[in-house]
Full PDB file with SEQRES, HELIX, SHEET, SSBOND, CRYST1, ORIGX, SCALE, CONECT and MASTER records, all heavy atoms in Angstrom:
SEQRES   1 A   41  LEU THR ALA ILE TYR GLN ASN HIS PRO THR ALA ASN PHE          
SEQRES   2 A   41  ILE SER MET ARG GLY LEU GLY GLY GLY HIS HIS VAL VAL          
SEQRES   3 A   41  ARG ALA LEU VAL LEU LEU ASP GLY ILE PRO ILE ASN ASP          
SEQRES   4 A   41  PRO PHE                                                      
HELIX    1 AA1 ILE A    4  GLN A    6  5                                   3    
HELIX    2 AA2 PRO A    9  ALA A   11  5                                   3    
SHEET    1 AA1 2 LEU A  31  LEU A  32  0                                        
SHEET    2 AA1 2 ILE A  35  PRO A  36 -1                                        
CRYST1    1.000    1.000    1.000  90.00  90.00  90.00 P 1           1          
ORIGX1      1.000000  0.000000  0.000000        0.00000                         
ORIGX2      0.000000  1.000000  0.000000        0.00000                         
ORIGX3      0.000000  0.000000  1.000000        0.00000                         
SCALE1      1.000000  0.000000  0.000000        0.00000                         
SCALE2      0.000000  1.000000  0.000000        0.00000                         
SCALE3      0.000000  0.000000  1.000000        0.00000                         
ATOM      1  N   LEU A   1       8.319 161.777 119.140  1.00  0.00           N  
ATOM      2  CA  LEU A   1       8.138 162.494 120.252  1.00  0.00           C  
ATOM      3  C   LEU A   1       9.339 163.315 120.829  1.00  0.00           C  
ATOM      4  O   LEU A   1       9.191 164.224 121.547  1.00  0.00           O  
ATOM      5  CB  LEU A   1       7.555 161.746 121.458  1.00  0.00           C  
ATOM      6  CG  LEU A   1       6.209 160.979 121.116  1.00  0.00           C  
ATOM      7  CD1 LEU A   1       5.696 160.146 122.253  1.00  0.00           C  
ATOM      8  CD2 LEU A   1       5.081 162.070 120.693  1.00  0.00           C  
ATOM      9  N   THR A   2      10.484 162.945 120.386  1.00  0.00           N  
ATOM     10  CA  THR A   2      11.749 163.694 120.588  1.00  0.00           C  
ATOM     11  C   THR A   2      11.800 164.760 119.446  1.00  0.00           C  
ATOM     12  O   THR A   2      11.622 164.568 118.322  1.00  0.00           O  
ATOM     13  CB  THR A   2      12.882 162.876 120.688  1.00  0.00           C  
ATOM     14  OG1 THR A   2      12.837 161.886 119.478  1.00  0.00           O  
ATOM     15  CG2 THR A   2      12.928 161.991 121.960  1.00  0.00           C  
ATOM     16  N   ALA A   3      12.395 165.929 119.792  1.00  0.00           N  
ATOM     17  CA  ALA A   3      12.679 166.843 118.830  1.00  0.00           C  
ATOM     18  C   ALA A   3      13.849 166.527 117.976  1.00  0.00           C  
ATOM     19  O   ALA A   3      14.666 165.614 118.251  1.00  0.00           O  
ATOM     20  CB  ALA A   3      13.114 168.219 119.471  1.00  0.00           C  
ATOM     21  N   ILE A   4      13.852 166.998 116.740  1.00  0.00           N  
ATOM     22  CA  ILE A   4      14.839 166.803 115.796  1.00  0.00           C  
ATOM     23  C   ILE A   4      16.339 166.750 116.169  1.00  0.00           C  
ATOM     24  O   ILE A   4      17.175 165.915 115.842  1.00  0.00           O  
ATOM     25  CB  ILE A   4      14.714 167.618 114.427  1.00  0.00           C  
ATOM     26  CG1 ILE A   4      15.705 167.133 113.381  1.00  0.00           C  
ATOM     27  CG2 ILE A   4      14.796 168.996 114.724  1.00  0.00           C  
ATOM     28  CD1 ILE A   4      15.439 167.739 111.916  1.00  0.00           C  
ATOM     29  N   TYR A   5      16.641 167.737 116.958  1.00  0.00           N  
ATOM     30  CA  TYR A   5      17.917 167.804 117.448  1.00  0.00           C  
ATOM     31  C   TYR A   5      18.356 166.784 118.595  1.00  0.00           C  
ATOM     32  O   TYR A   5      19.494 166.759 118.939  1.00  0.00           O  
ATOM     33  CB  TYR A   5      18.255 169.325 117.879  1.00  0.00           C  
ATOM     34  CG  TYR A   5      17.192 169.868 118.814  1.00  0.00           C  
ATOM     35  CD1 TYR A   5      17.272 169.833 120.239  1.00  0.00           C  
ATOM     36  CD2 TYR A   5      16.125 170.591 118.292  1.00  0.00           C  
ATOM     37  CE1 TYR A   5      16.323 170.295 121.079  1.00  0.00           C  
ATOM     38  CE2 TYR A   5      15.139 171.215 119.198  1.00  0.00           C  
ATOM     39  CZ  TYR A   5      15.279 171.015 120.458  1.00  0.00           C  
ATOM     40  OH  TYR A   5      14.257 171.657 121.319  1.00  0.00           O  
ATOM     41  N   GLN A   6      17.318 166.120 119.069  1.00  0.00           N  
ATOM     42  CA  GLN A   6      17.556 165.062 120.058  1.00  0.00           C  
ATOM     43  C   GLN A   6      17.574 163.689 119.551  1.00  0.00           C  
ATOM     44  O   GLN A   6      17.745 162.653 120.410  1.00  0.00           O  
ATOM     45  CB  GLN A   6      16.508 165.165 121.156  1.00  0.00           C  
ATOM     46  CG  GLN A   6      16.364 166.522 121.901  1.00  0.00           C  
ATOM     47  CD  GLN A   6      15.047 166.738 122.550  1.00  0.00           C  
ATOM     48  OE1 GLN A   6      14.260 165.809 122.577  1.00  0.00           O  
ATOM     49  NE2 GLN A   6      14.758 167.943 123.026  1.00  0.00           N  
ATOM     50  N   ASN A   7      17.407 163.536 118.114  1.00  0.00           N  
ATOM     51  CA  ASN A   7      17.296 162.238 117.498  1.00  0.00           C  
ATOM     52  C   ASN A   7      18.552 161.978 116.722  1.00  0.00           C  
ATOM     53  O   ASN A   7      19.148 162.933 116.258  1.00  0.00           O  
ATOM     54  CB  ASN A   7      16.176 162.158 116.570  1.00  0.00           C  
ATOM     55  CG  ASN A   7      14.876 161.694 117.221  1.00  0.00           C  
ATOM     56  OD1 ASN A   7      14.870 161.038 118.186  1.00  0.00           O  
ATOM     57  ND2 ASN A   7      13.607 162.152 116.669  1.00  0.00           N  
ATOM     58  N   HIS A   8      18.735 160.607 116.380  1.00  0.00           N  
ATOM     59  CA  HIS A   8      19.626 160.262 115.379  1.00  0.00           C  
ATOM     60  C   HIS A   8      19.046 160.762 114.037  1.00  0.00           C  
ATOM     61  O   HIS A   8      17.723 160.615 113.940  1.00  0.00           O  
ATOM     62  CB  HIS A   8      19.793 158.835 115.293  1.00  0.00           C  
ATOM     63  CG  HIS A   8      20.951 158.435 114.379  1.00  0.00           C  
ATOM     64  ND1 HIS A   8      20.751 158.340 113.102  1.00  0.00           N  
ATOM     65  CD2 HIS A   8      22.273 158.150 114.544  1.00  0.00           C  
ATOM     66  CE1 HIS A   8      21.952 157.899 112.412  1.00  0.00           C  
ATOM     67  NE2 HIS A   8      22.853 157.800 113.334  1.00  0.00           N  
ATOM     68  N   PRO A   9      19.718 161.429 113.115  1.00  0.00           N  
ATOM     69  CA  PRO A   9      18.989 161.987 111.923  1.00  0.00           C  
ATOM     70  C   PRO A   9      18.141 160.966 111.105  1.00  0.00           C  
ATOM     71  O   PRO A   9      17.010 161.370 110.580  1.00  0.00           O  
ATOM     72  CB  PRO A   9      20.141 162.514 111.021  1.00  0.00           C  
ATOM     73  CG  PRO A   9      21.257 162.709 112.066  1.00  0.00           C  
ATOM     74  CD  PRO A   9      21.137 161.716 113.053  1.00  0.00           C  
ATOM     75  N   THR A  10      18.558 159.799 111.102  1.00  0.00           N  
ATOM     76  CA  THR A  10      17.646 158.666 110.274  1.00  0.00           C  
ATOM     77  C   THR A  10      16.354 158.261 111.133  1.00  0.00           C  
ATOM     78  O   THR A  10      15.630 157.733 110.531  1.00  0.00           O  
ATOM     79  CB  THR A  10      18.484 157.493 110.024  1.00  0.00           C  
ATOM     80  OG1 THR A  10      18.888 156.915 111.219  1.00  0.00           O  
ATOM     81  CG2 THR A  10      19.714 157.755 109.275  1.00  0.00           C  
ATOM     82  N   ALA A  11      16.359 158.858 112.309  1.00  0.00           N  
ATOM     83  CA  ALA A  11      15.105 158.496 113.066  1.00  0.00           C  
ATOM     84  C   ALA A  11      14.123 159.681 113.025  1.00  0.00           C  
ATOM     85  O   ALA A  11      12.924 159.545 113.550  1.00  0.00           O  
ATOM     86  CB  ALA A  11      15.457 158.325 114.512  1.00  0.00           C  
ATOM     87  N   ASN A  12      14.346 160.546 112.245  1.00  0.00           N  
ATOM     88  CA  ASN A  12      13.333 161.787 112.006  1.00  0.00           C  
ATOM     89  C   ASN A  12      12.400 161.403 110.942  1.00  0.00           C  
ATOM     90  O   ASN A  12      12.294 162.170 109.915  1.00  0.00           O  
ATOM     91  CB  ASN A  12      14.157 163.088 111.823  1.00  0.00           C  
ATOM     92  CG  ASN A  12      14.908 163.601 112.881  1.00  0.00           C  
ATOM     93  OD1 ASN A  12      14.390 163.749 114.054  1.00  0.00           O  
ATOM     94  ND2 ASN A  12      16.244 163.804 112.854  1.00  0.00           N  
ATOM     95  N   PHE A  13      11.508 160.484 111.207  1.00  0.00           N  
ATOM     96  CA  PHE A  13      10.471 160.112 110.266  1.00  0.00           C  
ATOM     97  C   PHE A  13       9.396 161.200 110.311  1.00  0.00           C  
ATOM     98  O   PHE A  13       9.257 161.940 111.203  1.00  0.00           O  
ATOM     99  CB  PHE A  13       9.925 158.762 110.690  1.00  0.00           C  
ATOM    100  CG  PHE A  13       9.023 158.669 111.854  1.00  0.00           C  
ATOM    101  CD1 PHE A  13       7.816 159.029 111.830  1.00  0.00           C  
ATOM    102  CD2 PHE A  13       9.755 158.362 113.162  1.00  0.00           C  
ATOM    103  CE1 PHE A  13       6.891 159.005 112.922  1.00  0.00           C  
ATOM    104  CE2 PHE A  13       8.887 158.369 114.303  1.00  0.00           C  
ATOM    105  CZ  PHE A  13       7.546 158.716 114.214  1.00  0.00           C  
ATOM    106  N   ILE A  14       8.606 161.142 109.213  1.00  0.00           N  
ATOM    107  CA  ILE A  14       7.415 161.861 109.180  1.00  0.00           C  
ATOM    108  C   ILE A  14       6.355 161.114 108.478  1.00  0.00           C  
ATOM    109  O   ILE A  14       6.503 160.551 107.379  1.00  0.00           O  
ATOM    110  CB  ILE A  14       7.701 163.296 108.303  1.00  0.00           C  
ATOM    111  CG1 ILE A  14       6.317 164.010 108.043  1.00  0.00           C  
ATOM    112  CG2 ILE A  14       8.372 162.972 107.114  1.00  0.00           C  
ATOM    113  CD1 ILE A  14       5.681 164.584 109.211  1.00  0.00           C  
ATOM    114  N   SER A  15       5.204 161.132 109.139  1.00  0.00           N  
ATOM    115  CA  SER A  15       4.056 160.288 108.416  1.00  0.00           C  
ATOM    116  C   SER A  15       2.757 161.126 108.704  1.00  0.00           C  
ATOM    117  O   SER A  15       2.780 162.059 109.530  1.00  0.00           O  
ATOM    118  CB  SER A  15       3.898 158.886 108.846  1.00  0.00           C  
ATOM    119  OG  SER A  15       3.475 158.848 110.173  1.00  0.00           O  
ATOM    120  N   MET A  16       1.730 160.718 108.233  1.00  0.00           N  
ATOM    121  CA  MET A  16       0.429 161.413 108.462  1.00  0.00           C  
ATOM    122  C   MET A  16      -0.702 160.356 108.642  1.00  0.00           C  
ATOM    123  O   MET A  16      -0.691 159.279 107.934  1.00  0.00           O  
ATOM    124  CB  MET A  16       0.165 162.438 107.442  1.00  0.00           C  
ATOM    125  CG  MET A  16       1.147 163.579 107.408  1.00  0.00           C  
ATOM    126  SD  MET A  16       0.965 164.695 106.096  1.00  0.00           S  
ATOM    127  CE  MET A  16      -0.570 165.545 106.574  1.00  0.00           C  
ATOM    128  N   ARG A  17      -1.768 160.772 109.292  1.00  0.00           N  
ATOM    129  CA  ARG A  17      -2.930 159.803 109.437  1.00  0.00           C  
ATOM    130  C   ARG A  17      -2.732 158.449 109.891  1.00  0.00           C  
ATOM    131  O   ARG A  17      -3.268 157.518 109.376  1.00  0.00           O  
ATOM    132  CB  ARG A  17      -3.743 159.949 108.204  1.00  0.00           C  
ATOM    133  CG  ARG A  17      -4.499 161.181 107.865  1.00  0.00           C  
ATOM    134  CD  ARG A  17      -5.704 161.167 106.889  1.00  0.00           C  
ATOM    135  NE  ARG A  17      -6.433 162.308 106.959  1.00  0.00           N  
ATOM    136  CZ  ARG A  17      -7.371 162.522 105.953  1.00  0.00           C  
ATOM    137  NH1 ARG A  17      -7.468 161.838 104.811  1.00  0.00           N  
ATOM    138  NH2 ARG A  17      -8.123 163.630 106.166  1.00  0.00           N  
ATOM    139  N   GLY A  18      -1.687 158.329 110.824  1.00  0.00           N  
ATOM    140  CA  GLY A  18      -1.560 156.932 111.369  1.00  0.00           C  
ATOM    141  C   GLY A  18      -0.852 155.924 110.619  1.00  0.00           C  
ATOM    142  O   GLY A  18      -0.992 154.729 110.876  1.00  0.00           O  
ATOM    143  N   LEU A  19      -0.298 156.382 109.517  1.00  0.00           N  
ATOM    144  CA  LEU A  19       0.370 155.267 108.584  1.00  0.00           C  
ATOM    145  C   LEU A  19       1.597 154.752 109.077  1.00  0.00           C  
ATOM    146  O   LEU A  19       2.097 153.884 108.501  1.00  0.00           O  
ATOM    147  CB  LEU A  19       0.626 155.879 107.225  1.00  0.00           C  
ATOM    148  CG  LEU A  19      -0.725 156.279 106.417  1.00  0.00           C  
ATOM    149  CD1 LEU A  19      -0.245 156.752 105.091  1.00  0.00           C  
ATOM    150  CD2 LEU A  19      -1.482 155.063 106.161  1.00  0.00           C  
ATOM    151  N   GLY A  20       2.108 155.304 110.186  1.00  0.00           N  
ATOM    152  CA  GLY A  20       3.227 154.610 110.840  1.00  0.00           C  
ATOM    153  C   GLY A  20       4.509 155.280 110.414  1.00  0.00           C  
ATOM    154  O   GLY A  20       4.631 155.678 109.116  1.00  0.00           O  
ATOM    155  N   GLY A  21       5.567 155.178 111.181  1.00  0.00           N  
ATOM    156  CA  GLY A  21       6.811 155.663 110.820  1.00  0.00           C  
ATOM    157  C   GLY A  21       7.990 154.750 111.367  1.00  0.00           C  
ATOM    158  O   GLY A  21       8.302 153.719 110.842  1.00  0.00           O  
ATOM    159  N   GLY A  22       8.431 155.182 112.423  1.00  0.00           N  
ATOM    160  CA  GLY A  22       9.454 154.418 113.189  1.00  0.00           C  
ATOM    161  C   GLY A  22      10.887 154.760 112.292  1.00  0.00           C  
ATOM    162  O   GLY A  22      10.866 155.588 111.393  1.00  0.00           O  
ATOM    163  N   HIS A  23      11.854 154.060 112.789  1.00  0.00           N  
ATOM    164  CA  HIS A  23      13.204 154.394 112.170  1.00  0.00           C  
ATOM    165  C   HIS A  23      13.169 153.835 110.724  1.00  0.00           C  
ATOM    166  O   HIS A  23      12.881 152.697 110.369  1.00  0.00           O  
ATOM    167  CB  HIS A  23      14.296 153.437 112.887  1.00  0.00           C  
ATOM    168  CG  HIS A  23      14.442 153.870 114.288  1.00  0.00           C  
ATOM    169  ND1 HIS A  23      15.093 154.950 114.754  1.00  0.00           N  
ATOM    170  CD2 HIS A  23      13.753 153.650 115.471  1.00  0.00           C  
ATOM    171  CE1 HIS A  23      15.020 155.256 116.047  1.00  0.00           C  
ATOM    172  NE2 HIS A  23      14.220 154.274 116.448  1.00  0.00           N  
ATOM    173  N   HIS A  24      13.745 154.761 109.821  1.00  0.00           N  
ATOM    174  CA  HIS A  24      14.020 154.447 108.421  1.00  0.00           C  
ATOM    175  C   HIS A  24      12.655 154.333 107.581  1.00  0.00           C  
ATOM    176  O   HIS A  24      12.702 153.784 106.417  1.00  0.00           O  
ATOM    177  CB  HIS A  24      14.851 153.262 108.253  1.00  0.00           C  
ATOM    178  CG  HIS A  24      16.129 153.262 108.998  1.00  0.00           C  
ATOM    179  ND1 HIS A  24      17.317 153.824 108.489  1.00  0.00           N  
ATOM    180  CD2 HIS A  24      16.489 152.935 110.273  1.00  0.00           C  
ATOM    181  CE1 HIS A  24      18.417 153.709 109.346  1.00  0.00           C  
ATOM    182  NE2 HIS A  24      17.797 153.286 110.360  1.00  0.00           N  
ATOM    183  N   VAL A  25      11.540 154.786 108.121  1.00  0.00           N  
ATOM    184  CA  VAL A  25      10.313 154.766 107.184  1.00  0.00           C  
ATOM    185  C   VAL A  25       9.613 156.045 107.262  1.00  0.00           C  
ATOM    186  O   VAL A  25       9.308 156.700 108.309  1.00  0.00           O  
ATOM    187  CB  VAL A  25       9.441 153.599 107.840  1.00  0.00           C  
ATOM    188  CG1 VAL A  25       8.109 153.660 106.979  1.00  0.00           C  
ATOM    189  CG2 VAL A  25      10.106 152.301 107.841  1.00  0.00           C  
ATOM    190  N   VAL A  26       9.230 156.661 106.185  1.00  0.00           N  
ATOM    191  CA  VAL A  26       8.722 157.912 105.792  1.00  0.00           C  
ATOM    192  C   VAL A  26       7.549 157.720 104.942  1.00  0.00           C  
ATOM    193  O   VAL A  26       7.626 157.055 103.939  1.00  0.00           O  
ATOM    194  CB  VAL A  26       9.684 158.889 105.316  1.00  0.00           C  
ATOM    195  CG1 VAL A  26       9.074 160.114 104.980  1.00  0.00           C  
ATOM    196  CG2 VAL A  26      10.834 159.108 106.307  1.00  0.00           C  
ATOM    197  N   ARG A  27       6.343 158.327 105.378  1.00  0.00           N  
ATOM    198  CA  ARG A  27       5.119 158.138 104.542  1.00  0.00           C  
ATOM    199  C   ARG A  27       4.416 159.434 104.358  1.00  0.00           C  
ATOM    200  O   ARG A  27       3.313 159.585 104.374  1.00  0.00           O  
ATOM    201  CB  ARG A  27       4.266 157.061 105.118  1.00  0.00           C  
ATOM    202  CG  ARG A  27       4.836 155.682 105.228  1.00  0.00           C  
ATOM    203  CD  ARG A  27       3.795 154.607 105.469  1.00  0.00           C  
ATOM    204  NE  ARG A  27       4.531 153.236 105.479  1.00  0.00           N  
ATOM    205  CZ  ARG A  27       5.071 152.587 106.488  1.00  0.00           C  
ATOM    206  NH1 ARG A  27       4.928 153.062 107.765  1.00  0.00           N  
ATOM    207  NH2 ARG A  27       5.567 151.468 106.331  1.00  0.00           N  
ATOM    208  N   ALA A  28       5.264 160.498 104.174  1.00  0.00           N  
ATOM    209  CA  ALA A  28       4.645 161.942 103.929  1.00  0.00           C  
ATOM    210  C   ALA A  28       5.757 162.582 103.065  1.00  0.00           C  
ATOM    211  O   ALA A  28       6.824 162.518 103.403  1.00  0.00           O  
ATOM    212  CB  ALA A  28       4.224 162.647 105.173  1.00  0.00           C  
ATOM    213  N   LEU A  29       5.277 163.450 102.204  1.00  0.00           N  
ATOM    214  CA  LEU A  29       6.203 164.201 101.333  1.00  0.00           C  
ATOM    215  C   LEU A  29       6.318 165.594 101.979  1.00  0.00           C  
ATOM    216  O   LEU A  29       5.366 166.356 102.356  1.00  0.00           O  
ATOM    217  CB  LEU A  29       5.587 164.355 100.019  1.00  0.00           C  
ATOM    218  CG  LEU A  29       6.320 165.273  98.945  1.00  0.00           C  
ATOM    219  CD1 LEU A  29       7.756 164.635  98.791  1.00  0.00           C  
ATOM    220  CD2 LEU A  29       5.575 165.365  97.665  1.00  0.00           C  
ATOM    221  N   VAL A  30       7.575 166.124 101.997  1.00  0.00           N  
ATOM    222  CA  VAL A  30       7.813 167.485 102.475  1.00  0.00           C  
ATOM    223  C   VAL A  30       8.451 168.391 101.430  1.00  0.00           C  
ATOM    224  O   VAL A  30       9.494 167.921 100.839  1.00  0.00           O  
ATOM    225  CB  VAL A  30       8.727 167.500 103.714  1.00  0.00           C  
ATOM    226  CG1 VAL A  30       8.891 168.936 104.350  1.00  0.00           C  
ATOM    227  CG2 VAL A  30       7.940 166.674 104.839  1.00  0.00           C  
ATOM    228  N   LEU A  31       7.898 169.418 101.063  1.00  0.00           N  
ATOM    229  CA  LEU A  31       8.256 170.411 100.045  1.00  0.00           C  
ATOM    230  C   LEU A  31       8.866 171.689 100.618  1.00  0.00           C  
ATOM    231  O   LEU A  31       8.266 172.130 101.690  1.00  0.00           O  
ATOM    232  CB  LEU A  31       7.207 170.632  99.027  1.00  0.00           C  
ATOM    233  CG  LEU A  31       6.468 169.439  98.452  1.00  0.00           C  
ATOM    234  CD1 LEU A  31       5.301 169.948  97.743  1.00  0.00           C  
ATOM    235  CD2 LEU A  31       7.483 168.738  97.533  1.00  0.00           C  
ATOM    236  N   LEU A  32       9.735 172.349  99.949  1.00  0.00           N  
ATOM    237  CA  LEU A  32      10.219 173.672 100.275  1.00  0.00           C  
ATOM    238  C   LEU A  32       9.832 174.491  99.003  1.00  0.00           C  
ATOM    239  O   LEU A  32      10.595 174.319  97.921  1.00  0.00           O  
ATOM    240  CB  LEU A  32      11.711 173.657 100.637  1.00  0.00           C  
ATOM    241  CG  LEU A  32      12.256 175.116 100.943  1.00  0.00           C  
ATOM    242  CD1 LEU A  32      11.514 175.760 102.080  1.00  0.00           C  
ATOM    243  CD2 LEU A  32      13.729 175.039 101.144  1.00  0.00           C  
ATOM    244  N   ASP A  33       8.836 175.170  99.020  1.00  0.00           N  
ATOM    245  CA  ASP A  33       8.435 176.010  97.799  1.00  0.00           C  
ATOM    246  C   ASP A  33       8.258 175.134  96.672  1.00  0.00           C  
ATOM    247  O   ASP A  33       8.552 175.468  95.452  1.00  0.00           O  
ATOM    248  CB  ASP A  33       9.466 177.052  97.468  1.00  0.00           C  
ATOM    249  CG  ASP A  33       9.709 178.248  98.412  1.00  0.00           C  
ATOM    250  OD1 ASP A  33       8.590 178.589  99.109  1.00  0.00           O  
ATOM    251  OD2 ASP A  33      10.739 178.685  98.706  1.00  0.00           O  
ATOM    252  N   GLY A  34       7.596 174.038  96.959  1.00  0.00           N  
ATOM    253  CA  GLY A  34       7.206 173.078  95.867  1.00  0.00           C  
ATOM    254  C   GLY A  34       8.297 172.068  95.496  1.00  0.00           C  
ATOM    255  O   GLY A  34       8.069 171.282  94.612  1.00  0.00           O  
ATOM    256  N   ILE A  35       9.502 172.153  96.093  1.00  0.00           N  
ATOM    257  CA  ILE A  35      10.632 171.294  95.673  1.00  0.00           C  
ATOM    258  C   ILE A  35      10.777 170.270  96.886  1.00  0.00           C  
ATOM    259  O   ILE A  35      10.811 170.715  98.042  1.00  0.00           O  
ATOM    260  CB  ILE A  35      11.956 172.095  95.685  1.00  0.00           C  
ATOM    261  CG1 ILE A  35      11.724 173.206  94.522  1.00  0.00           C  
ATOM    262  CG2 ILE A  35      13.122 171.244  95.269  1.00  0.00           C  
ATOM    263  CD1 ILE A  35      11.436 172.665  93.092  1.00  0.00           C  
ATOM    264  N   PRO A  36      10.926 168.911  96.495  1.00  0.00           N  
ATOM    265  CA  PRO A  36      11.008 168.042  97.611  1.00  0.00           C  
ATOM    266  C   PRO A  36      12.302 168.074  98.533  1.00  0.00           C  
ATOM    267  O   PRO A  36      13.432 168.303  97.939  1.00  0.00           O  
ATOM    268  CB  PRO A  36      11.057 166.599  96.923  1.00  0.00           C  
ATOM    269  CG  PRO A  36      11.512 166.961  95.554  1.00  0.00           C  
ATOM    270  CD  PRO A  36      10.931 168.335  95.245  1.00  0.00           C  
ATOM    271  N   ILE A  37      12.245 168.054  99.902  1.00  0.00           N  
ATOM    272  CA  ILE A  37      13.277 168.050 100.759  1.00  0.00           C  
ATOM    273  C   ILE A  37      13.469 166.843 101.679  1.00  0.00           C  
ATOM    274  O   ILE A  37      14.279 166.751 102.595  1.00  0.00           O  
ATOM    275  CB  ILE A  37      13.392 169.398 101.572  1.00  0.00           C  
ATOM    276  CG1 ILE A  37      12.166 169.505 102.497  1.00  0.00           C  
ATOM    277  CG2 ILE A  37      13.586 170.512 100.642  1.00  0.00           C  
ATOM    278  CD1 ILE A  37      12.355 170.595 103.507  1.00  0.00           C  
ATOM    279  N   ASN A  38      12.719 165.846 101.478  1.00  0.00           N  
ATOM    280  CA  ASN A  38      12.905 164.445 102.162  1.00  0.00           C  
ATOM    281  C   ASN A  38      14.342 164.024 101.716  1.00  0.00           C  
ATOM    282  O   ASN A  38      14.645 164.229 100.585  1.00  0.00           O  
ATOM    283  CB  ASN A  38      12.007 163.486 101.702  1.00  0.00           C  
ATOM    284  CG  ASN A  38      10.491 163.766 102.169  1.00  0.00           C  
ATOM    285  OD1 ASN A  38       9.829 164.657 101.609  1.00  0.00           O  
ATOM    286  ND2 ASN A  38      10.056 163.087 103.197  1.00  0.00           N  
ATOM    287  N   ASP A  39      15.089 163.514 102.584  1.00  0.00           N  
ATOM    288  CA  ASP A  39      16.550 162.995 102.175  1.00  0.00           C  
ATOM    289  C   ASP A  39      16.304 161.988 101.128  1.00  0.00           C  
ATOM    290  O   ASP A  39      15.600 161.094 101.178  1.00  0.00           O  
ATOM    291  CB  ASP A  39      17.117 162.542 103.488  1.00  0.00           C  
ATOM    292  CG  ASP A  39      18.556 162.050 103.095  1.00  0.00           C  
ATOM    293  OD1 ASP A  39      19.426 162.879 103.285  1.00  0.00           O  
ATOM    294  OD2 ASP A  39      18.695 160.899 102.694  1.00  0.00           O  
ATOM    295  N   PRO A  40      17.077 162.141  99.974  1.00  0.00           N  
ATOM    296  CA  PRO A  40      16.873 161.314  98.851  1.00  0.00           C  
ATOM    297  C   PRO A  40      17.225 159.831  99.235  1.00  0.00           C  
ATOM    298  O   PRO A  40      16.670 158.969  98.514  1.00  0.00           O  
ATOM    299  CB  PRO A  40      17.750 161.900  97.874  1.00  0.00           C  
ATOM    300  CG  PRO A  40      18.011 163.334  98.116  1.00  0.00           C  
ATOM    301  CD  PRO A  40      17.977 163.252  99.727  1.00  0.00           C  
ATOM    302  N   PHE A  41      18.232 159.694 100.036  1.00  0.00           N  
ATOM    303  CA  PHE A  41      18.653 158.271 100.328  1.00  0.00           C  
ATOM    304  C   PHE A  41      17.922 157.528 101.438  1.00  0.00           C  
ATOM    305  O   PHE A  41      17.302 156.390 101.343  1.00  0.00           O  
ATOM    306  CB  PHE A  41      20.191 158.335 100.744  1.00  0.00           C  
ATOM    307  CG  PHE A  41      20.852 156.960 100.828  1.00  0.00           C  
ATOM    308  CD1 PHE A  41      21.529 156.551  99.716  1.00  0.00           C  
ATOM    309  CD2 PHE A  41      20.870 156.218 101.952  1.00  0.00           C  
ATOM    310  CE1 PHE A  41      22.320 155.254  99.832  1.00  0.00           C  
ATOM    311  CE2 PHE A  41      21.326 155.007 102.079  1.00  0.00           C  
ATOM    312  CZ  PHE A  41      22.066 154.521 100.874  1.00  0.00           C  
TER     313      PHE A  41                                                      
MASTER        0    0    0    2    2    0    0    6  312    1    0    4          
END                                                                             
């Protein structure tokens, strides 16, 4: 609920359809022109 520039970078989770997120958990894939841009680590 906080914008990306107001968060610690590792708290910028992304999920969809209620699968949950929270700190250090990501459950959706983000692509830039078909190339993944989720942080690899």
